[in-house]
Amino acid sequence: MSFYDILQKLSWENIGDDLKKRTTHDVEFVLRKKGKKTLNDFLTLVSPAASPYLEEMAQLSHRLTLKRFGRTIQMYIPLYLSNECTNGCLYCGFSKANSIKRHTLSEKEIAEEAEAINGQGFEHLLLVSGESPRRVGMDYFKKAFDIVRPYFSHLSLEAQPLDQGDYESLISHGLNTVLIYQETYNQQTYPDYHPFGKKRDFRYRLETPDRLGNAGMYKIGIGSLLGLEDWRTEAFFVASHLAYLKKKYWRTRFSISFPRLRPASGGFKGKSPVTDRDLVQLICAYRIFDEDVELSLSTRESGAFRDHVLPLGITTVSAGSKTGPGGHASDEDGLEQFHVCDERSPEEVAKMVKAQGYEAVWKDWDSVLGN
């Protein structure tokens, strides 16, 4: 059984209706509750009824984060390998339907990017690519990991879903973490956003974390693209997925990201905007629900917003991001997936972290410690 089987028993409409029925009494009960929170509690925390309790939620989230993670913030940076893509996702600047310049990094360019990034102090690297299996497939990924592995202590991947055996192979080439976002858990509207390409296969994408868990992946990151569907209902399905994965793959670490729609080629606008206040409520709800899950906030968000929410539950941030291939060692325009909002340098972000009383951690683990 996979999470797909569980999803078939859940109704998007019923969850949405249940959210509207939550009361202030329900919220106060959950906030007073000691010990582990349930999915039903989480639904209450993301309900409209919880919105007036944002300050209390923020204080509790802050305390729980300090208790589990201390005053540390993990720093990472993405390296975009390619903006070539065979999918037609309406919201993505890399969509095959968009007339943009396409480029896939050569082995030499990958090495140049790795050197440039390593020179900024990063030890945690996220390799990102559009989904173009023929141009950027397993052979390419293996070579890319072999090239960057000497420069970094932790390697993550955000690319097309792969089979279990492929993930097992990439682990042997240094892969530690995979980020795979379902975009939306609404199975009825999912095809509307993905008119063509392999990404249109809802079930194969949804079952990717299961394949990762069975492959023995060190860490798995999940989430949804905020702005496509109702964020409150979407959040419940992400939390349900997290609970399922943690129970089944208990040796694996997990993270949740909060990508909000950003301006990109194609001009797509979501039908369900998420305000800053909404996102704060969402971050706090996840932390109160799960004290151990890592919460990541990227440079999609403004510097001012990231500065504000960092103490409320966030454990991981990106910095110095370039969302097109070759953005670190060269400066070619017109290749980016979306426009970065927080354009501060890694040094500036690290200074901000320190100014708030936290330590910027550049290294996630070390093999000499037996991890």
Protein backbone atom coordinates (compact mmCIF):
# COMPACT_ATOMS: atom_id res chain seq x y z
CA MET A 1 0.00 0.00 0.00
CA SER A 2 1.19 3.53 -0.84
CA PHE A 3 -0.13 6.97 0.05
CA TYR A 4 -2.11 6.89 -3.19
CA ASP A 5 -4.36 4.23 -1.65
CA ILE A 6 -4.92 6.41 1.41
CA LEU A 7 -5.64 9.43 -0.76
CA GLN A 8 -8.49 7.60 -2.49
CA LYS A 9 -10.31 7.43 0.83
CA LEU A 10 -10.08 11.19 1.43
CA SER A 11 -12.42 13.76 -0.10
CA TRP A 12 -11.04 17.17 -1.02
CA GLU A 13 -14.51 18.68 -0.72
CA ASN A 14 -15.22 17.10 2.67
CA ILE A 15 -11.93 18.33 4.10
CA GLY A 16 -12.71 21.82 2.86
CA ASP A 17 -16.15 21.71 4.49
CA ASP A 18 -14.69 20.39 7.75
CA LEU A 19 -12.24 23.30 7.87
CA LYS A 20 -15.12 25.77 7.89
CA LYS A 21 -16.77 24.05 10.85
CA ARG A 22 -13.86 24.50 13.26
CA THR A 23 -14.52 26.89 16.14
CA THR A 24 -12.46 29.05 18.47
CA HIS A 25 -13.17 26.48 21.18
CA ASP A 26 -11.52 23.81 18.98
CA VAL A 27 -8.47 26.03 18.46
CA GLU A 28 -8.06 26.78 22.16
CA PHE A 29 -8.33 23.07 22.97
CA VAL A 30 -5.54 22.18 20.51
CA LEU A 31 -3.26 24.97 21.76
CA ARG A 32 -3.69 23.77 25.35
CA LYS A 33 -3.25 20.11 24.44
CA LYS A 34 -0.08 18.45 25.69
CA GLY A 35 1.86 15.88 23.72
CA LYS A 36 1.55 14.71 20.13
CA LYS A 37 -0.94 16.42 17.85
CA THR A 38 -3.21 14.52 15.47
CA LEU A 39 -4.18 15.26 11.88
CA ASN A 40 -7.50 16.42 13.23
CA ASP A 41 -5.62 18.91 15.43
CA PHE A 42 -3.65 20.09 12.41
CA LEU A 43 -6.86 20.70 10.49
CA THR A 44 -7.98 22.95 13.33
CA LEU A 45 -4.69 24.87 13.30
CA VAL A 46 -4.98 25.72 9.58
CA SER A 47 -8.69 26.52 9.76
CA PRO A 48 -10.08 30.07 9.45
CA ALA A 49 -11.01 29.85 13.14
CA ALA A 50 -7.31 29.71 14.08
CA SER A 51 -6.37 32.91 12.27
CA PRO A 52 -7.08 35.19 15.29
CA TYR A 53 -4.74 33.02 17.39
CA LEU A 54 -1.70 33.63 15.22
CA GLU A 55 0.34 35.26 17.97
CA GLU A 56 -0.22 32.33 20.34
CA MET A 57 0.59 29.87 17.58
CA ALA A 58 3.78 31.77 16.73
CA GLN A 59 4.98 31.77 20.33
CA LEU A 60 4.33 28.04 20.71
CA SER A 61 5.97 27.28 17.37
CA HIS A 62 9.03 29.31 18.38
CA ARG A 63 9.39 27.44 21.68
CA LEU A 64 9.02 24.03 20.04
CA THR A 65 11.60 24.88 17.38
CA LEU A 66 14.14 26.04 19.94
CA LYS A 67 13.55 22.89 21.96
CA ARG A 68 14.21 20.57 19.02
CA PHE A 69 16.66 22.47 16.77
CA GLY A 70 18.22 25.07 19.03
CA ARG A 71 19.40 28.34 17.53
CA THR A 72 20.69 26.94 14.26
CA ILE A 73 19.64 27.62 10.67
CA GLN A 74 20.80 25.29 7.90
CA MET A 75 22.09 27.12 4.81
CA TYR A 76 21.86 25.65 1.31
CA ILE A 77 22.08 26.82 -2.29
CA PRO A 78 20.59 25.49 -5.54
CA LEU A 79 22.66 24.71 -8.62
CA TYR A 80 20.47 24.59 -11.74
CA LEU A 81 21.74 21.99 -14.19
CA SER A 82 19.24 22.51 -17.02
CA ASN A 83 16.12 24.47 -17.94
CA GLU A 84 15.13 22.03 -20.68
CA CYS A 85 11.79 20.37 -19.98
CA THR A 86 9.30 18.12 -21.76
CA ASN A 87 6.37 19.04 -19.48
CA GLY A 88 3.74 21.70 -20.06
CA CYS A 89 3.14 22.84 -16.46
CA LEU A 90 1.17 26.09 -16.65
CA TYR A 91 2.87 27.67 -13.63
CA CYS A 92 6.52 26.97 -14.50
CA GLY A 93 8.93 29.16 -16.41
CA PHE A 94 10.65 26.01 -17.73
CA SER A 95 7.45 24.75 -19.41
CA LYS A 96 8.03 23.44 -22.91
CA ALA A 97 5.26 25.79 -24.05
CA ASN A 98 7.35 28.86 -23.12
CA SER A 99 9.69 30.40 -25.68
CA ILE A 100 12.83 30.83 -23.59
CA LYS A 101 16.48 30.12 -24.18
CA ARG A 102 17.35 26.55 -23.21
CA HIS A 103 20.64 25.32 -21.85
CA THR A 104 22.03 22.23 -20.12
CA LEU A 105 25.33 22.55 -18.31
CA SER A 106 28.32 20.65 -19.68
CA GLU A 107 30.61 18.74 -17.33
CA LYS A 108 33.04 21.66 -17.44
CA GLU A 109 30.29 24.14 -16.59
CA ILE A 110 29.08 21.99 -13.69
CA ALA A 111 32.59 21.99 -12.24
CA GLU A 112 32.83 25.77 -12.66
CA GLU A 113 29.51 26.24 -10.89
CA ALA A 114 30.58 23.92 -8.06
CA GLU A 115 33.81 25.82 -7.55
CA ALA A 116 32.03 29.18 -7.55
CA ILE A 117 29.45 28.00 -5.01
CA ASN A 118 31.96 26.25 -2.79
CA GLY A 119 33.95 29.47 -2.68
CA GLN A 120 30.99 31.13 -0.96
CA GLY A 121 31.21 28.68 1.95
CA PHE A 122 28.33 26.36 1.16
CA GLU A 123 28.58 22.66 2.01
CA HIS A 124 24.92 21.83 1.30
CA LEU A 125 24.11 21.81 -2.44
CA LEU A 126 20.76 21.27 -4.15
CA LEU A 127 20.95 20.14 -7.78
CA VAL A 128 17.88 21.28 -9.74
CA SER A 129 16.77 20.49 -13.27
CA GLY A 130 13.81 20.71 -15.58
CA GLU A 131 12.32 17.33 -16.46
CA SER A 132 13.99 16.25 -19.69
CA PRO A 133 14.90 12.58 -19.23
CA ARG A 134 16.64 12.18 -22.60
CA ARG A 135 18.96 15.14 -22.08
CA VAL A 136 19.14 15.05 -18.29
CA GLY A 137 18.69 11.43 -17.29
CA MET A 138 20.49 8.93 -15.11
CA ASP A 139 23.81 9.03 -16.95
CA TYR A 140 23.85 12.81 -16.70
CA PHE A 141 22.91 12.79 -13.01
CA LYS A 142 25.63 10.28 -12.17
CA LYS A 143 28.27 12.41 -13.88
CA ALA A 144 26.96 15.55 -12.22
CA PHE A 145 27.09 14.01 -8.74
CA ASP A 146 30.58 12.65 -9.35
CA ILE A 147 31.72 16.15 -10.35
CA VAL A 148 30.21 18.07 -7.40
CA ARG A 149 30.72 15.42 -4.72
CA PRO A 150 34.30 16.47 -3.82
CA TYR A 151 33.14 20.04 -3.17
CA PHE A 152 30.22 19.45 -0.79
CA SER A 153 29.29 17.36 2.25
CA HIS A 154 25.54 17.12 1.52
CA LEU A 155 23.93 16.71 -1.90
CA SER A 156 20.22 17.07 -2.67
CA LEU A 157 18.23 16.67 -5.88
CA GLU A 158 15.08 18.30 -7.22
CA ALA A 159 14.30 16.85 -10.64
CA GLN A 160 11.95 14.41 -12.36
CA PRO A 161 10.66 11.42 -10.35
CA LEU A 162 12.79 8.30 -10.78
CA ASP A 163 12.40 4.58 -10.15
CA GLN A 164 13.58 3.06 -6.88
CA GLY A 165 16.61 1.43 -8.49
CA ASP A 166 17.69 4.77 -9.94
CA TYR A 167 17.60 6.39 -6.52
CA GLU A 168 19.59 3.52 -5.05
CA SER A 169 22.20 4.06 -7.76
CA LEU A 170 22.40 7.81 -7.14
CA ILE A 171 22.85 7.22 -3.40
CA SER A 172 26.07 5.41 -4.29
CA HIS A 173 27.13 8.56 -6.19
CA GLY A 174 26.61 10.78 -3.15
CA LEU A 175 22.90 11.66 -3.15
CA ASN A 176 21.58 12.34 0.37
CA THR A 177 18.23 14.09 -0.08
CA VAL A 178 15.45 14.36 -2.66
CA LEU A 179 12.85 17.12 -2.81
CA ILE A 180 9.68 16.13 -4.66
CA TYR A 181 6.64 18.39 -4.59
CA GLN A 182 3.22 17.11 -5.61
CA GLU A 183 2.29 20.70 -6.62
CA THR A 184 -1.34 19.94 -5.73
CA TYR A 185 -2.93 16.95 -4.02
CA ASN A 186 -6.25 17.70 -5.71
CA GLN A 187 -6.41 14.76 -8.09
CA GLN A 188 -9.36 16.24 -10.00
CA THR A 189 -7.67 19.54 -10.91
CA TYR A 190 -4.09 18.23 -11.18
CA PRO A 191 -4.43 17.49 -14.95
CA ASP A 192 -5.55 21.09 -15.56
CA TYR A 193 -2.14 22.37 -14.46
CA HIS A 194 -0.24 19.62 -16.29
CA PRO A 195 -1.72 19.37 -19.80
CA PHE A 196 1.11 17.24 -21.23
CA GLY A 197 4.36 15.51 -20.32
CA LYS A 198 5.28 12.74 -17.90
CA LYS A 199 4.47 14.97 -14.95
CA ARG A 200 0.82 14.54 -15.89
CA ASP A 201 0.98 11.10 -14.22
CA PHE A 202 -0.41 12.04 -10.80
CA ARG A 203 0.05 8.64 -9.19
CA TYR A 204 3.65 8.09 -10.28
CA ARG A 205 4.64 11.46 -8.84
CA LEU A 206 2.67 10.90 -5.63
CA GLU A 207 4.35 7.56 -5.01
CA THR A 208 7.87 8.95 -5.46
CA PRO A 209 8.43 9.40 -1.69
CA ASP A 210 7.53 5.71 -1.24
CA ARG A 211 10.18 4.74 -3.77
CA LEU A 212 12.64 7.03 -1.98
CA GLY A 213 11.81 5.50 1.39
CA ASN A 214 12.26 1.99 0.04
CA ALA A 215 15.58 3.05 -1.51
CA GLY A 216 16.84 4.13 1.92
CA MET A 217 17.09 7.86 1.18
CA TYR A 218 18.56 9.87 4.06
CA LYS A 219 16.03 12.72 3.78
CA ILE A 220 12.86 13.36 1.78
CA GLY A 221 11.31 16.77 1.20
CA ILE A 222 7.65 17.20 0.28
CA GLY A 223 5.21 20.08 -0.19
CA SER A 224 2.75 21.73 -2.55
CA LEU A 225 2.88 24.82 -4.73
CA LEU A 226 1.03 27.47 -2.77
CA GLY A 227 -1.41 29.42 -4.89
CA LEU A 228 -2.85 26.69 -7.08
CA GLU A 229 -5.62 25.37 -4.82
CA ASP A 230 -7.03 26.30 -1.41
CA TRP A 231 -3.96 26.36 0.83
CA ARG A 232 -5.76 25.13 3.94
CA THR A 233 -7.10 22.00 2.27
CA GLU A 234 -3.79 21.46 0.49
CA ALA A 235 -1.93 21.68 3.79
CA PHE A 236 -4.03 18.91 5.31
CA PHE A 237 -3.06 16.53 2.51
CA VAL A 238 0.63 17.42 2.85
CA ALA A 239 0.41 16.78 6.60
CA SER A 240 -1.37 13.47 5.96
CA HIS A 241 1.38 12.47 3.54
CA LEU A 242 4.02 13.41 6.10
CA ALA A 243 2.35 11.38 8.84
CA TYR A 244 2.12 8.34 6.57
CA LEU A 245 5.76 8.60 5.49
CA LYS A 246 7.11 9.06 9.02
CA LYS A 247 5.28 6.00 10.24
CA LYS A 248 6.37 3.78 7.35
CA TYR A 249 9.93 5.06 6.82
CA TRP A 250 10.85 5.91 10.38
CA ARG A 251 14.61 5.88 9.73
CA THR A 252 14.29 8.74 7.21
CA ARG A 253 14.35 12.48 7.95
CA PHE A 254 11.69 14.71 6.40
CA SER A 255 11.31 18.33 5.42
CA ILE A 256 8.49 20.53 4.17
CA SER A 257 8.92 23.54 1.89
CA PHE A 258 6.56 26.44 1.24
CA PRO A 259 6.96 27.53 -2.39
CA ARG A 260 4.54 30.32 -3.26
CA LEU A 261 3.87 31.14 -6.89
CA ARG A 262 6.35 33.68 -8.25
CA PRO A 263 6.33 35.64 -11.52
CA ALA A 264 7.74 33.51 -14.35
CA SER A 265 7.67 33.15 -18.12
CA GLY A 266 4.15 32.38 -19.26
CA GLY A 267 2.46 34.84 -16.89
CA PHE A 268 0.43 32.20 -15.00
CA LYS A 269 -1.55 33.44 -11.99
CA GLY A 270 -2.94 31.05 -9.41
CA LYS A 271 -6.58 31.08 -8.38
CA SER A 272 -5.90 30.85 -4.64
CA PRO A 273 -3.40 33.54 -3.48
CA VAL A 274 -1.65 32.98 -0.16
CA THR A 275 -1.02 36.06 1.96
CA ASP A 276 1.94 36.55 4.29
CA ARG A 277 -0.37 36.04 7.25
CA ASP A 278 -1.64 32.79 5.73
CA LEU A 279 1.90 31.52 5.28
CA VAL A 280 2.83 32.36 8.88
CA GLN A 281 -0.19 30.40 10.08
CA LEU A 282 0.82 27.48 7.88
CA ILE A 283 4.43 27.43 9.12
CA CYS A 284 3.34 27.53 12.76
CA ALA A 285 0.70 24.84 12.23
CA TYR A 286 3.25 22.41 10.79
CA ARG A 287 5.68 23.03 13.65
CA ILE A 288 3.02 22.52 16.32
CA PHE A 289 1.87 19.37 14.52
CA ASP A 290 5.38 17.91 14.16
CA GLU A 291 8.27 19.08 16.33
CA ASP A 292 10.84 17.11 14.31
CA VAL A 293 10.07 17.99 10.70
CA GLU A 294 12.47 20.43 9.03
CA LEU A 295 10.79 23.54 7.59
CA SER A 296 12.47 25.28 4.66
CA LEU A 297 11.92 28.75 3.22
CA SER A 298 13.56 29.70 -0.07
CA THR A 299 14.49 32.94 -1.80
CA ARG A 300 11.07 32.92 -3.46
CA GLU A 301 10.13 34.99 -0.40
CA SER A 302 11.24 38.55 0.27
CA GLY A 303 14.11 39.30 2.58
CA ALA A 304 11.83 41.20 4.96
CA PHE A 305 9.39 38.31 5.21
CA ARG A 306 12.13 35.72 5.74
CA ASP A 307 13.71 37.87 8.45
CA HIS A 308 10.36 38.07 10.23
CA VAL A 309 9.39 34.40 10.13
CA LEU A 310 12.81 32.83 10.66
CA PRO A 311 12.38 32.48 14.46
CA LEU A 312 8.85 31.08 14.16
CA GLY A 313 9.72 27.58 13.02
CA ILE A 314 12.02 27.71 10.01
CA THR A 315 15.13 25.50 10.17
CA THR A 316 16.52 25.76 6.63
CA VAL A 317 16.97 28.66 4.19
CA SER A 318 18.53 29.10 0.78
CA ALA A 319 20.72 32.06 -0.09
CA GLY A 320 22.42 33.45 -3.17
CA SER A 321 19.98 31.57 -5.40
CA LYS A 322 20.11 31.69 -9.19
CA THR A 323 17.21 29.89 -10.87
CA GLY A 324 18.79 29.30 -14.26
CA PRO A 325 21.64 27.02 -15.38
CA GLY A 326 25.05 28.63 -15.10
CA GLY A 327 23.99 31.50 -12.87
CA HIS A 328 26.90 31.35 -10.43
CA ALA A 329 30.00 31.10 -12.61
CA SER A 330 28.47 33.12 -15.46
CA ASP A 331 25.68 35.66 -15.76
CA GLU A 332 23.50 34.65 -18.70
CA ASP A 333 20.04 36.19 -18.62
CA GLY A 334 16.73 34.70 -19.71
CA LEU A 335 17.24 31.17 -18.39
CA GLU A 336 15.60 31.41 -14.97
CA GLN A 337 12.67 29.29 -13.75
CA PHE A 338 11.19 32.16 -11.73
CA HIS A 339 12.29 35.52 -10.40
CA VAL A 340 14.10 35.39 -7.06
CA CYS A 341 12.69 37.78 -4.46
CA ASP A 342 15.40 37.75 -1.78
CA GLU A 343 18.49 38.77 -3.74
CA ARG A 344 20.82 39.21 -0.78
CA SER A 345 24.21 37.54 -0.89
CA PRO A 346 24.88 34.44 1.25
CA GLU A 347 27.07 36.59 3.50
CA GLU A 348 24.25 39.09 4.01
CA VAL A 349 21.76 36.32 4.84
CA ALA A 350 24.23 34.78 7.29
CA LYS A 351 24.67 38.17 9.00
CA MET A 352 20.89 38.46 9.31
CA VAL A 353 20.73 35.01 10.90
CA LYS A 354 23.45 35.95 13.38
CA ALA A 355 21.78 39.28 14.17
CA GLN A 356 18.67 37.38 15.27
CA GLY A 357 20.70 35.29 17.71
CA TYR A 358 21.03 32.19 15.53
CA GLU A 359 23.97 30.33 14.00
CA ALA A 360 24.14 29.84 10.24
CA VAL A 361 25.13 26.20 9.68
CA TRP A 362 26.81 25.62 6.33
CA LYS A 363 27.49 21.92 6.81
CA ASP A 364 24.70 19.40 7.36
CA TRP A 365 26.75 16.34 8.24
CA ASP A 366 30.21 14.82 8.00
CA SER A 367 31.02 11.28 6.91
CA VAL A 368 33.77 11.02 9.53
CA LEU A 369 31.08 11.14 12.20
CA GLY A 370 29.52 7.96 10.83
CA ASN A 371 26.32 9.58 9.45
